[in-house]
Amino acid sequence: MSQAFAGRRVLIVEDESLVAMLLETILEDMGCVAVGPAATVDEGMKMAADAEPIDAALLDVNVAGKQVFPIAEALKTRGVPFVFSTGYGESGLPDDWRGHPTLQKPFTEAAVRDALIKAMGLADV
């Protein structure tokens, strides 16, 4: 467990329950507090707009057939860093969103950790 992640609240937006559970476990192993998971864009929007603090987010690009970009926009407005996850990697993102940290599915615990470090601007921990 890294002290840099201790207690950090990370929103999970993921419609595949097994992937969501894996992310929760990875985040908890890193010392984070998992927020959610949200399984729909509407649910994710509510969590992203909530007054609860969020330190970062992991966003599945395609959630129950809808694109996650409205949530990404809401988080960007709040200044919350986020990581996209997709089976297509960064090439599957629209041009406007390229350059954001992106996890390609299937991912490893190390890949999640590295993507969050990049998104959150943490020194390598």
Protein backbone atom coordinates (compact mmCIF):
# COMPACT_ATOMS: atom_id res chain seq x y z
CA MET A 1 0.00 0.00 0.00
CA SER A 2 1.33 3.40 -0.93
CA GLN A 3 0.99 6.36 1.41
CA ALA A 4 0.39 8.60 -1.62
CA PHE A 5 -2.94 6.86 -2.21
CA ALA A 6 -3.99 6.41 1.43
CA GLY A 7 -7.58 7.57 1.89
CA ARG A 8 -7.96 8.99 -1.62
CA ARG A 9 -11.52 8.69 -2.89
CA VAL A 10 -11.73 7.25 -6.41
CA LEU A 11 -15.01 7.11 -8.31
CA ILE A 12 -15.57 3.98 -10.40
CA VAL A 13 -17.90 4.17 -13.41
CA GLU A 14 -18.10 0.64 -14.86
CA ASP A 15 -21.09 -1.42 -16.01
CA GLU A 16 -19.38 -4.84 -15.93
CA SER A 17 -19.80 -6.03 -12.34
CA LEU A 18 -16.72 -8.28 -12.37
CA VAL A 19 -14.52 -5.46 -13.68
CA ALA A 20 -16.02 -3.07 -11.11
CA MET A 21 -15.28 -5.55 -8.29
CA LEU A 22 -11.72 -6.00 -9.57
CA LEU A 23 -11.21 -2.21 -9.60
CA GLU A 24 -12.61 -1.93 -6.06
CA THR A 25 -10.14 -4.57 -4.87
CA ILE A 26 -7.21 -2.94 -6.68
CA LEU A 27 -8.08 0.48 -5.23
CA GLU A 28 -8.50 -0.90 -1.71
CA ASP A 29 -5.14 -2.70 -2.01
CA MET A 30 -3.61 0.67 -2.93
CA GLY A 31 -5.18 2.28 0.15
CA CYS A 32 -7.87 4.19 -1.74
CA VAL A 33 -11.55 4.44 -0.89
CA ALA A 34 -13.65 3.21 -3.81
CA VAL A 35 -16.67 5.44 -4.56
CA GLY A 36 -19.49 3.67 -6.39
CA PRO A 37 -19.33 1.81 -8.66
CA ALA A 38 -21.79 3.59 -10.91
CA ALA A 39 -23.17 1.22 -13.56
CA THR A 40 -24.89 3.85 -15.71
CA VAL A 41 -24.00 7.29 -17.03
CA ASP A 42 -26.91 8.84 -15.08
CA GLU A 43 -25.71 7.26 -11.82
CA GLY A 44 -22.14 8.39 -12.57
CA MET A 45 -23.34 11.94 -13.27
CA LYS A 46 -25.07 12.05 -9.88
CA MET A 47 -21.92 10.84 -8.13
CA ALA A 48 -19.70 13.24 -10.11
CA ALA A 49 -21.98 16.18 -9.21
CA ASP A 50 -22.34 15.13 -5.56
CA ALA A 51 -20.85 17.35 -2.88
CA GLU A 52 -18.79 14.38 -1.67
CA PRO A 53 -15.11 14.90 -2.39
CA ILE A 54 -13.61 12.80 -5.18
CA ASP A 55 -9.85 12.70 -5.68
CA ALA A 56 -9.91 10.85 -9.01
CA ALA A 57 -12.11 8.65 -11.19
CA LEU A 58 -11.84 5.54 -13.35
CA LEU A 59 -14.27 5.83 -16.27
CA ASP A 60 -15.26 3.00 -18.59
CA VAL A 61 -15.73 4.72 -21.97
CA ASN A 62 -18.85 2.72 -22.89
CA VAL A 63 -21.24 2.31 -19.95
CA ALA A 64 -24.40 0.32 -20.64
CA GLY A 65 -24.34 1.46 -24.29
CA LYS A 66 -23.75 5.14 -23.51
CA GLN A 67 -20.55 7.17 -23.81
CA VAL A 68 -19.05 8.35 -20.51
CA PHE A 69 -17.91 11.75 -21.79
CA PRO A 70 -20.62 13.81 -19.98
CA ILE A 71 -19.19 12.46 -16.70
CA ALA A 72 -15.65 13.28 -17.83
CA GLU A 73 -16.77 16.83 -18.66
CA ALA A 74 -18.40 17.22 -15.21
CA LEU A 75 -15.26 15.95 -13.48
CA LYS A 76 -13.04 18.20 -15.61
CA THR A 77 -15.18 21.18 -14.57
CA ARG A 78 -14.70 20.19 -10.91
CA GLY A 79 -10.96 19.77 -11.42
CA VAL A 80 -11.08 16.04 -10.67
CA PRO A 81 -8.50 13.97 -12.57
CA PHE A 82 -9.73 10.83 -14.30
CA VAL A 83 -8.58 7.80 -16.26
CA PHE A 84 -10.52 6.30 -19.15
CA SER A 85 -10.70 2.53 -19.50
CA THR A 86 -11.54 0.89 -22.80
CA GLY A 87 -10.85 -2.23 -24.78
CA TYR A 88 -9.64 -0.02 -27.64
CA GLY A 89 -6.96 1.94 -25.79
CA GLU A 90 -6.45 5.64 -26.43
CA SER A 91 -7.11 5.17 -30.17
CA GLY A 92 -10.75 4.43 -29.28
CA LEU A 93 -11.22 7.93 -27.83
CA PRO A 94 -12.57 10.92 -29.75
CA ASP A 95 -9.85 13.45 -30.63
CA ASP A 96 -11.07 15.86 -27.91
CA TRP A 97 -10.26 13.33 -25.17
CA ARG A 98 -6.99 11.90 -26.48
CA GLY A 99 -4.04 12.59 -24.22
CA HIS A 100 -5.94 11.75 -21.04
CA PRO A 101 -4.56 8.78 -19.12
CA THR A 102 -6.17 5.67 -20.58
CA LEU A 103 -6.18 2.05 -19.44
CA GLN A 104 -6.55 -0.62 -22.07
CA LYS A 105 -8.67 -3.58 -20.98
CA PRO A 106 -7.77 -6.08 -19.74
CA PHE A 107 -5.55 -4.19 -17.30
CA THR A 108 -3.26 -5.07 -14.41
CA GLU A 109 -3.06 -3.61 -10.92
CA ALA A 110 0.23 -1.93 -11.93
CA ALA A 111 -1.44 -0.34 -14.97
CA VAL A 112 -4.26 1.08 -12.78
CA ARG A 113 -1.72 2.42 -10.29
CA ASP A 114 0.45 4.00 -13.01
CA ALA A 115 -2.55 5.59 -14.75
CA LEU A 116 -3.78 7.11 -11.47
CA ILE A 117 -0.29 8.42 -10.68
CA LYS A 118 -0.21 10.09 -14.10
CA ALA A 119 -3.75 11.47 -13.85
CA MET A 120 -3.29 12.78 -10.31
CA GLY A 121 0.14 14.25 -11.01
CA LEU A 122 1.73 12.30 -8.17
CA ALA A 123 5.44 11.69 -8.06
CA ASP A 124 6.19 8.04 -8.82
CA VAL A 125 5.26 6.29 -5.57
